[in-house]
Each structure stands twice: as structure tokens, then as C-alpha cells.
N, C-alpha and C. Protein backbone atom coordinates (compact mmCIF):
# COMPACT_ATOMS: atom_id res chain seq x y z
N UNK A 1 -183.72 -174.21 -118.03
CA UNK A 1 -185.00 -174.08 -118.64
C UNK A 1 -185.83 -172.91 -118.00
N UNK A 2 -185.74 -172.76 -116.74
CA UNK A 2 -186.53 -171.71 -115.99
C UNK A 2 -185.92 -170.36 -116.50
N UNK A 3 -184.63 -170.25 -116.69
CA UNK A 3 -184.07 -168.93 -117.17
C UNK A 3 -184.57 -168.61 -118.56
N UNK A 4 -184.54 -169.69 -119.43
CA UNK A 4 -184.97 -169.41 -120.79
C UNK A 4 -186.44 -168.91 -120.77
N UNK A 5 -187.30 -169.55 -120.05
CA UNK A 5 -188.62 -169.08 -119.90
C UNK A 5 -188.82 -167.68 -119.45
N UNK A 6 -188.02 -167.35 -118.38
CA UNK A 6 -187.99 -165.98 -117.83
C UNK A 6 -187.51 -165.00 -118.83
N UNK A 7 -186.44 -165.33 -119.65
CA UNK A 7 -185.95 -164.47 -120.70
C UNK A 7 -187.04 -164.21 -121.79
N UNK A 8 -187.62 -165.21 -122.20
CA UNK A 8 -188.71 -165.10 -123.22
C UNK A 8 -189.82 -164.29 -122.65
N UNK A 9 -190.28 -164.51 -121.44
CA UNK A 9 -191.35 -163.81 -120.85
C UNK A 9 -191.01 -162.28 -120.71
N UNK A 10 -189.75 -162.01 -120.33
CA UNK A 10 -189.26 -160.67 -120.22
C UNK A 10 -189.20 -160.00 -121.61
N UNK A 11 -188.80 -160.68 -122.65
CA UNK A 11 -188.68 -160.13 -123.96
C UNK A 11 -190.03 -159.73 -124.46
N UNK A 12 -191.06 -160.58 -124.32
CA UNK A 12 -192.39 -160.31 -124.78
C UNK A 12 -193.10 -159.19 -123.97
N UNK A 13 -192.88 -159.18 -122.70
CA UNK A 13 -193.51 -158.10 -121.87
C UNK A 13 -192.83 -156.76 -122.18
N UNK A 14 -191.50 -156.59 -122.49
CA UNK A 14 -190.87 -155.38 -122.87
C UNK A 14 -191.24 -154.99 -124.20
N UNK A 15 -191.35 -155.87 -125.12
CA UNK A 15 -191.60 -155.57 -126.52
C UNK A 15 -192.99 -155.13 -126.72
N UNK A 16 -193.96 -155.48 -125.81
CA UNK A 16 -195.38 -155.07 -126.06
C UNK A 16 -195.64 -153.70 -125.56
N UNK A 17 -194.63 -152.98 -124.84
CA UNK A 17 -194.88 -151.65 -124.44
C UNK A 17 -194.23 -150.76 -125.49
N UNK A 18 -194.71 -149.49 -125.48
CA UNK A 18 -194.12 -148.42 -126.26
C UNK A 18 -194.43 -148.53 -127.77
N UNK A 19 -195.51 -149.06 -128.05
CA UNK A 19 -195.93 -149.12 -129.48
C UNK A 19 -197.48 -149.05 -129.71
N UNK A 20 -197.83 -148.56 -130.80
CA UNK A 20 -199.24 -148.49 -131.16
C UNK A 20 -199.65 -149.87 -131.59
N UNK A 21 -200.93 -150.19 -131.32
CA UNK A 21 -201.43 -151.47 -131.80
C UNK A 21 -201.62 -151.33 -133.32
N UNK A 22 -201.98 -152.47 -133.99
CA UNK A 22 -202.06 -152.44 -135.42
C UNK A 22 -203.15 -151.49 -135.89
N UNK A 23 -204.17 -151.40 -135.25
CA UNK A 23 -205.35 -150.58 -135.71
C UNK A 23 -204.94 -149.20 -135.58
N UNK A 24 -204.42 -148.72 -134.49
CA UNK A 24 -203.95 -147.33 -134.29
C UNK A 24 -202.92 -146.98 -135.40
N UNK A 25 -201.96 -147.85 -135.63
CA UNK A 25 -200.89 -147.62 -136.64
C UNK A 25 -201.51 -147.44 -137.95
N UNK A 26 -202.43 -148.31 -138.36
CA UNK A 26 -203.18 -148.19 -139.62
C UNK A 26 -203.88 -146.86 -139.81
N UNK A 27 -204.57 -146.44 -138.67
CA UNK A 27 -205.25 -145.11 -138.70
C UNK A 27 -204.27 -144.04 -138.91
N UNK A 28 -203.16 -144.11 -138.25
CA UNK A 28 -202.13 -142.99 -138.32
C UNK A 28 -201.65 -142.92 -139.67
N UNK A 29 -201.48 -144.05 -140.42
CA UNK A 29 -200.91 -144.02 -141.73
C UNK A 29 -202.03 -144.22 -142.84
N UNK A 30 -203.22 -144.24 -142.52
CA UNK A 30 -204.32 -144.58 -143.45
C UNK A 30 -204.84 -143.46 -144.32
N UNK A 31 -206.11 -143.67 -144.67
CA UNK A 31 -206.75 -142.71 -145.54
C UNK A 31 -206.96 -141.39 -144.78
N UNK A 32 -207.13 -140.24 -145.49
CA UNK A 32 -207.30 -138.98 -144.82
C UNK A 32 -208.23 -138.92 -143.62
N UNK A 33 -209.40 -139.61 -143.76
CA UNK A 33 -210.45 -139.63 -142.71
C UNK A 33 -209.90 -140.31 -141.48
N UNK A 34 -209.14 -141.38 -141.70
CA UNK A 34 -208.48 -142.17 -140.60
C UNK A 34 -207.44 -141.34 -139.90
N UNK A 35 -206.61 -140.67 -140.73
CA UNK A 35 -205.60 -139.83 -140.23
C UNK A 35 -206.11 -138.67 -139.35
N UNK A 36 -207.27 -138.10 -139.90
CA UNK A 36 -207.81 -137.03 -139.11
C UNK A 36 -208.30 -137.43 -137.72
N UNK A 37 -209.02 -138.68 -137.78
CA UNK A 37 -209.54 -139.17 -136.47
C UNK A 37 -208.37 -139.57 -135.54
N UNK A 38 -207.30 -140.11 -136.16
CA UNK A 38 -206.13 -140.44 -135.31
C UNK A 38 -205.58 -139.19 -134.63
N UNK A 39 -205.46 -138.14 -135.34
CA UNK A 39 -204.96 -136.91 -134.85
C UNK A 39 -205.83 -136.35 -133.65
N UNK A 40 -207.13 -136.47 -133.88
CA UNK A 40 -208.03 -136.07 -132.74
C UNK A 40 -207.81 -136.98 -131.58
N UNK A 41 -207.89 -138.25 -131.82
CA UNK A 41 -207.76 -139.27 -130.66
C UNK A 41 -206.45 -138.99 -129.86
N UNK A 42 -205.38 -138.76 -130.63
CA UNK A 42 -204.13 -138.57 -129.96
C UNK A 42 -204.13 -137.21 -129.15
N UNK A 43 -204.64 -136.19 -129.75
CA UNK A 43 -204.72 -134.85 -129.04
C UNK A 43 -205.61 -134.98 -127.73
N UNK A 44 -206.74 -135.70 -127.90
CA UNK A 44 -207.59 -135.89 -126.73
C UNK A 44 -206.96 -136.65 -125.63
N UNK A 45 -206.19 -137.68 -126.08
CA UNK A 45 -205.49 -138.46 -125.06
C UNK A 45 -204.41 -137.67 -124.37
N UNK A 46 -203.77 -136.76 -125.13
CA UNK A 46 -202.68 -135.91 -124.53
C UNK A 46 -203.29 -134.93 -123.59
N UNK A 47 -204.53 -134.36 -123.97
CA UNK A 47 -205.29 -133.47 -123.01
C UNK A 47 -205.58 -134.19 -121.70
N UNK A 48 -206.04 -135.46 -121.84
CA UNK A 48 -206.51 -136.25 -120.71
C UNK A 48 -205.36 -136.66 -119.77
N UNK A 49 -204.21 -137.04 -120.48
CA UNK A 49 -203.21 -137.74 -119.64
C UNK A 49 -201.92 -136.89 -119.53
N UNK A 50 -201.87 -135.64 -120.06
CA UNK A 50 -200.75 -134.73 -119.91
C UNK A 50 -199.50 -135.41 -120.45
N UNK A 51 -198.53 -135.73 -119.56
CA UNK A 51 -197.25 -136.25 -119.99
C UNK A 51 -197.08 -137.74 -119.53
N UNK A 52 -198.15 -138.40 -119.22
CA UNK A 52 -198.14 -139.83 -118.90
C UNK A 52 -198.24 -140.61 -120.14
N UNK A 53 -197.08 -140.83 -120.88
CA UNK A 53 -197.03 -141.31 -122.28
C UNK A 53 -197.60 -142.82 -122.28
N UNK A 54 -197.41 -143.53 -121.27
CA UNK A 54 -197.94 -144.89 -121.30
C UNK A 54 -199.44 -144.87 -121.40
N UNK A 55 -200.09 -143.95 -120.60
CA UNK A 55 -201.51 -143.87 -120.54
C UNK A 55 -201.96 -143.21 -121.89
N UNK A 56 -201.25 -142.30 -122.44
CA UNK A 56 -201.60 -141.71 -123.76
C UNK A 56 -201.67 -142.78 -124.79
N UNK A 57 -200.59 -143.64 -124.77
CA UNK A 57 -200.51 -144.73 -125.78
C UNK A 57 -201.70 -145.69 -125.57
N UNK A 58 -202.02 -146.07 -124.32
CA UNK A 58 -203.10 -146.91 -124.08
C UNK A 58 -204.42 -146.28 -124.55
N UNK A 59 -204.59 -145.10 -124.24
CA UNK A 59 -205.86 -144.33 -124.65
C UNK A 59 -206.05 -144.33 -126.17
N UNK A 60 -204.96 -143.96 -126.91
CA UNK A 60 -204.96 -143.92 -128.40
C UNK A 60 -205.32 -145.33 -128.86
N UNK A 61 -204.67 -146.36 -128.33
CA UNK A 61 -204.97 -147.69 -128.79
C UNK A 61 -206.42 -148.18 -128.60
N UNK A 62 -206.93 -147.89 -127.37
CA UNK A 62 -208.34 -148.29 -127.08
C UNK A 62 -209.39 -147.50 -127.81
N UNK A 63 -209.13 -146.20 -128.06
CA UNK A 63 -210.08 -145.26 -128.79
C UNK A 63 -210.00 -145.68 -130.27
N UNK A 64 -208.84 -146.01 -130.79
CA UNK A 64 -208.67 -146.36 -132.22
C UNK A 64 -209.45 -147.74 -132.47
N UNK A 65 -209.26 -148.60 -131.63
CA UNK A 65 -209.98 -149.98 -131.67
C UNK A 65 -211.50 -149.77 -131.75
N UNK A 66 -211.95 -148.91 -130.81
CA UNK A 66 -213.35 -148.70 -130.76
C UNK A 66 -213.96 -147.99 -131.94
N UNK A 67 -213.21 -146.97 -132.42
CA UNK A 67 -213.68 -146.23 -133.59
C UNK A 67 -213.73 -147.13 -134.86
N UNK A 68 -212.65 -147.97 -135.01
CA UNK A 68 -212.55 -148.82 -136.15
C UNK A 68 -213.61 -149.93 -136.08
N UNK A 69 -213.94 -150.41 -134.88
CA UNK A 69 -214.96 -151.40 -134.73
C UNK A 69 -216.33 -150.89 -135.18
N UNK A 70 -216.57 -149.68 -134.78
CA UNK A 70 -217.84 -149.01 -135.28
C UNK A 70 -217.93 -148.64 -136.63
N UNK A 71 -216.79 -148.26 -137.15
CA UNK A 71 -216.63 -147.84 -138.61
C UNK A 71 -216.86 -149.04 -139.48
N UNK A 72 -216.40 -150.19 -139.00
CA UNK A 72 -216.53 -151.40 -139.80
C UNK A 72 -217.84 -152.10 -139.62
N UNK A 73 -218.64 -151.68 -138.69
CA UNK A 73 -219.97 -152.27 -138.43
C UNK A 73 -220.81 -152.25 -139.61
N UNK A 74 -221.59 -153.29 -139.90
CA UNK A 74 -222.44 -153.33 -141.06
C UNK A 74 -223.52 -152.24 -140.96
N UNK A 75 -223.32 -151.31 -141.82
CA UNK A 75 -224.23 -150.10 -141.83
C UNK A 75 -225.72 -150.46 -142.03
N UNK A 76 -226.00 -151.47 -142.78
CA UNK A 76 -227.35 -151.89 -143.04
C UNK A 76 -228.07 -152.50 -141.80
N UNK A 77 -227.21 -152.99 -140.86
CA UNK A 77 -227.78 -153.58 -139.67
C UNK A 77 -227.73 -152.66 -138.46
N UNK A 78 -226.99 -151.57 -138.65
CA UNK A 78 -226.81 -150.65 -137.53
C UNK A 78 -228.07 -149.87 -137.22
N UNK A 79 -228.37 -149.80 -135.94
CA UNK A 79 -229.49 -149.00 -135.52
C UNK A 79 -229.02 -147.54 -135.29
N UNK A 80 -229.45 -146.71 -136.30
CA UNK A 80 -228.96 -145.39 -136.46
C UNK A 80 -229.30 -144.52 -135.23
N UNK A 81 -230.51 -144.72 -134.76
CA UNK A 81 -231.07 -143.93 -133.62
C UNK A 81 -230.19 -144.19 -132.29
N UNK A 82 -229.86 -145.48 -132.09
CA UNK A 82 -229.09 -145.80 -130.91
C UNK A 82 -227.69 -145.30 -131.13
N UNK A 83 -227.17 -145.43 -132.31
CA UNK A 83 -225.82 -144.88 -132.63
C UNK A 83 -225.67 -143.40 -132.41
N UNK A 84 -226.64 -142.59 -132.87
CA UNK A 84 -226.61 -141.22 -132.66
C UNK A 84 -226.80 -140.84 -131.23
N UNK A 85 -227.66 -141.51 -130.50
CA UNK A 85 -227.84 -141.26 -129.04
C UNK A 85 -226.57 -141.56 -128.31
N UNK A 86 -225.92 -142.60 -128.75
CA UNK A 86 -224.63 -142.97 -128.11
C UNK A 86 -223.59 -141.95 -128.36
N UNK A 87 -223.47 -141.39 -129.57
CA UNK A 87 -222.44 -140.36 -129.90
C UNK A 87 -222.79 -139.16 -129.08
N UNK A 88 -223.99 -138.66 -129.09
CA UNK A 88 -224.35 -137.40 -128.36
C UNK A 88 -224.11 -137.57 -126.93
N UNK A 89 -224.23 -138.69 -126.34
CA UNK A 89 -224.05 -138.87 -124.95
C UNK A 89 -222.54 -138.67 -124.56
N UNK A 90 -221.69 -139.03 -125.50
CA UNK A 90 -220.23 -139.05 -125.20
C UNK A 90 -219.34 -138.05 -125.94
N UNK A 91 -220.06 -136.94 -126.43
CA UNK A 91 -219.32 -135.99 -127.15
C UNK A 91 -218.21 -135.30 -126.29
N UNK A 92 -217.15 -134.84 -126.85
CA UNK A 92 -216.05 -134.25 -126.26
C UNK A 92 -216.43 -132.72 -125.89
N UNK A 93 -216.47 -132.34 -124.70
CA UNK A 93 -216.76 -131.00 -124.26
C UNK A 93 -215.81 -130.02 -124.79
N UNK A 94 -214.55 -130.42 -125.01
CA UNK A 94 -213.50 -129.54 -125.50
C UNK A 94 -213.70 -129.23 -126.96
N UNK A 95 -214.56 -129.93 -127.64
CA UNK A 95 -214.71 -129.85 -129.13
C UNK A 95 -216.11 -129.43 -129.44
N UNK A 96 -216.81 -128.66 -128.58
CA UNK A 96 -218.22 -128.27 -128.82
C UNK A 96 -218.44 -127.65 -130.21
N UNK A 97 -217.63 -126.60 -130.49
CA UNK A 97 -217.86 -125.84 -131.74
C UNK A 97 -217.71 -126.77 -132.95
N UNK A 98 -216.69 -127.52 -133.00
CA UNK A 98 -216.55 -128.53 -134.11
C UNK A 98 -217.72 -129.42 -134.21
N UNK A 99 -218.20 -130.01 -133.04
CA UNK A 99 -219.32 -130.93 -133.06
C UNK A 99 -220.67 -130.30 -133.46
N UNK A 100 -220.90 -129.06 -133.00
CA UNK A 100 -222.03 -128.35 -133.41
C UNK A 100 -222.05 -128.05 -134.92
N UNK A 101 -220.92 -127.64 -135.47
CA UNK A 101 -220.82 -127.43 -136.91
C UNK A 101 -221.02 -128.70 -137.73
N UNK A 102 -220.52 -129.83 -137.13
CA UNK A 102 -220.77 -131.07 -137.85
C UNK A 102 -222.29 -131.52 -137.72
N UNK A 103 -222.91 -131.25 -136.65
CA UNK A 103 -224.41 -131.52 -136.56
C UNK A 103 -225.06 -130.73 -137.69
N UNK A 104 -224.76 -129.45 -137.83
CA UNK A 104 -225.40 -128.64 -138.84
C UNK A 104 -225.13 -129.19 -140.28
N UNK A 105 -223.87 -129.63 -140.52
CA UNK A 105 -223.60 -130.20 -141.80
C UNK A 105 -224.31 -131.48 -142.14
N UNK A 106 -224.36 -132.38 -141.09
CA UNK A 106 -225.13 -133.56 -141.24
C UNK A 106 -226.56 -133.36 -141.52
N UNK A 107 -227.11 -132.34 -140.70
CA UNK A 107 -228.56 -132.01 -140.95
C UNK A 107 -228.81 -131.53 -142.41
N UNK A 108 -227.95 -130.77 -142.99
CA UNK A 108 -228.04 -130.37 -144.37
C UNK A 108 -228.00 -131.53 -145.31
N UNK A 109 -226.94 -132.27 -145.15
CA UNK A 109 -226.59 -133.37 -146.07
C UNK A 109 -227.69 -134.41 -146.02
N UNK A 110 -228.25 -134.71 -144.78
CA UNK A 110 -229.14 -135.87 -144.62
C UNK A 110 -230.36 -135.67 -145.45
N UNK A 111 -230.75 -134.50 -145.81
CA UNK A 111 -231.95 -134.21 -146.68
C UNK A 111 -231.72 -134.70 -147.99
N UNK A 112 -230.44 -134.81 -148.52
CA UNK A 112 -230.16 -135.18 -149.86
C UNK A 112 -229.50 -136.57 -149.94
N UNK A 113 -228.66 -136.92 -149.00
CA UNK A 113 -227.84 -138.11 -149.10
C UNK A 113 -227.73 -138.78 -147.71
N UNK A 114 -228.42 -139.78 -147.54
CA UNK A 114 -228.46 -140.51 -146.20
C UNK A 114 -227.14 -141.21 -145.88
N UNK A 115 -226.53 -141.77 -146.99
CA UNK A 115 -225.36 -142.50 -146.82
C UNK A 115 -224.20 -141.56 -146.41
N UNK A 116 -224.11 -140.44 -147.04
CA UNK A 116 -223.07 -139.43 -146.68
C UNK A 116 -223.30 -138.90 -145.25
N UNK A 117 -224.50 -138.74 -144.87
CA UNK A 117 -224.86 -138.31 -143.46
C UNK A 117 -224.34 -139.36 -142.43
N UNK A 118 -224.55 -140.57 -142.81
CA UNK A 118 -224.06 -141.70 -141.94
C UNK A 118 -222.56 -141.66 -141.88
N UNK A 119 -221.88 -141.49 -142.95
CA UNK A 119 -220.36 -141.42 -142.89
C UNK A 119 -219.88 -140.22 -142.11
N UNK A 120 -220.56 -139.15 -142.14
CA UNK A 120 -220.13 -137.96 -141.33
C UNK A 120 -220.26 -138.19 -139.95
N UNK A 121 -221.16 -139.12 -139.42
CA UNK A 121 -221.23 -139.43 -138.01
C UNK A 121 -219.92 -139.84 -137.44
N UNK A 122 -219.09 -140.52 -138.25
CA UNK A 122 -217.86 -140.97 -137.76
C UNK A 122 -216.80 -139.90 -137.59
N UNK A 123 -217.15 -138.68 -137.91
CA UNK A 123 -216.19 -137.56 -137.71
C UNK A 123 -216.41 -136.84 -136.37
N UNK A 124 -217.40 -137.28 -135.63
CA UNK A 124 -217.61 -136.59 -134.35
C UNK A 124 -216.45 -136.80 -133.41
N UNK A 125 -216.19 -135.84 -132.63
CA UNK A 125 -215.09 -135.92 -131.67
C UNK A 125 -215.72 -136.23 -130.38
N UNK A 126 -215.54 -137.53 -129.95
CA UNK A 126 -216.16 -137.97 -128.68
C UNK A 126 -215.31 -139.15 -128.16
N UNK A 127 -215.78 -139.74 -127.10
CA UNK A 127 -215.07 -140.84 -126.47
C UNK A 127 -215.58 -142.08 -127.18
N UNK A 128 -214.83 -142.57 -128.16
CA UNK A 128 -215.30 -143.70 -128.95
C UNK A 128 -215.42 -144.96 -128.17
N UNK A 129 -214.65 -145.18 -127.19
CA UNK A 129 -214.65 -146.36 -126.25
C UNK A 129 -216.05 -146.42 -125.64
N UNK A 130 -216.52 -145.30 -125.14
CA UNK A 130 -217.85 -145.25 -124.48
C UNK A 130 -218.99 -145.19 -125.46
N UNK A 131 -218.80 -144.69 -126.62
CA UNK A 131 -219.82 -144.80 -127.64
C UNK A 131 -220.00 -146.25 -128.05
N UNK A 132 -218.97 -146.99 -128.23
CA UNK A 132 -219.08 -148.48 -128.55
C UNK A 132 -219.79 -149.15 -127.42
N UNK A 133 -219.38 -148.93 -126.21
CA UNK A 133 -219.95 -149.55 -125.03
C UNK A 133 -221.49 -149.24 -124.90
N UNK A 134 -221.81 -147.90 -125.03
CA UNK A 134 -223.13 -147.52 -125.03
C UNK A 134 -223.97 -148.12 -126.06
N UNK A 135 -223.48 -148.14 -127.27
CA UNK A 135 -224.20 -148.69 -128.42
C UNK A 135 -224.52 -150.17 -128.19
N UNK A 136 -223.50 -150.92 -127.82
CA UNK A 136 -223.66 -152.34 -127.56
C UNK A 136 -224.68 -152.57 -126.46
N UNK A 137 -224.53 -151.91 -125.44
CA UNK A 137 -225.43 -151.99 -124.29
C UNK A 137 -226.87 -151.80 -124.72
N UNK A 138 -227.13 -150.64 -125.36
CA UNK A 138 -228.47 -150.24 -125.68
C UNK A 138 -229.10 -151.25 -126.82
N UNK A 139 -228.21 -151.71 -127.71
CA UNK A 139 -228.72 -152.61 -128.70
C UNK A 139 -229.13 -153.96 -128.11
N UNK A 140 -228.29 -154.46 -127.18
CA UNK A 140 -228.68 -155.66 -126.46
C UNK A 140 -229.95 -155.50 -125.68
N UNK A 141 -230.11 -154.46 -125.01
CA UNK A 141 -231.38 -154.15 -124.27
C UNK A 141 -232.59 -154.12 -125.18
N UNK A 142 -232.43 -153.49 -126.36
CA UNK A 142 -233.53 -153.42 -127.28
C UNK A 142 -233.89 -154.85 -127.83
N UNK A 143 -232.86 -155.58 -128.11
CA UNK A 143 -233.04 -156.93 -128.65
C UNK A 143 -233.75 -157.83 -127.59
N UNK A 144 -233.50 -157.60 -126.40
CA UNK A 144 -234.07 -158.41 -125.20
C UNK A 144 -235.52 -158.10 -125.01
N UNK A 145 -236.05 -156.92 -125.53
CA UNK A 145 -237.41 -156.53 -125.25
C UNK A 145 -238.39 -157.34 -126.02
């Protein structure tokens, strides 16, 4: 009985390594915007972790989960000011030109189409795990006031 338990435990521990979680896998194979963000997340993880593939995988999974959580957040209930502040605090320094160009595009679009401007926010290249953390933290503090 003890051996069977150890074999089952070993199987599950080995099978959980070396794979993307469901959310990262869906982004990798998903709509163009999701694929684009997955590519950025993967490239940023590779820059951060070099050839430590286990950490690259972990980083991709956690960043994908955070991005998808925020992307699926109810846009009508979202505090846009806190969201934008959270994004700007955690922008990727390696992607300054891309992010500056996106800021300019959002500024132009926001005068005509607020919904499209909101959608464009999800294209920023930043640390989405920290954006999610910062957003949740600031929103809770605001609600407690």
C-alpha cells in the first residue's frame, strides 16, 4: 500500500513539471492578441531567466494567469485610474519604445473610442503579475476608505 501511494505521488509530481498550465497553453494557441501577449511573456521570461527553463516555464505560467485574470475582469466595474497606474508602475524597461508608442496610440484612440482604448491597455508590455497585485492592493485600500 505504501509503495502504491509513493508511485502515485511520484507520477503526479513528475507529470506536473515540464508543461504550460491551461491558461498559458490557451494563450499560446488562442486569438491573435493572446498569441502576441504570450510571445512577449515568453520572451521576457527568457530574458529574465536565461537558460533556467523551469523558471521560464513558471514565469510564463504566472504571467499568463495574471494577464488573463485582468483581461477577464468585469470592465464596467474596473477602476481604470488604478489599472492605468498599476500598469505604468510595472512597465518593462526593455520595451520602452513599444510602450511609449502604445501610450500615444491609446491617447489618440481614447478621444473617439473609450472601449478600444481600454482594450489597448492589455497590450502593454509589463510585469502582469505585479500589475494584478498592485491593482488588487490599491482597489482594496480604496474600498476601505
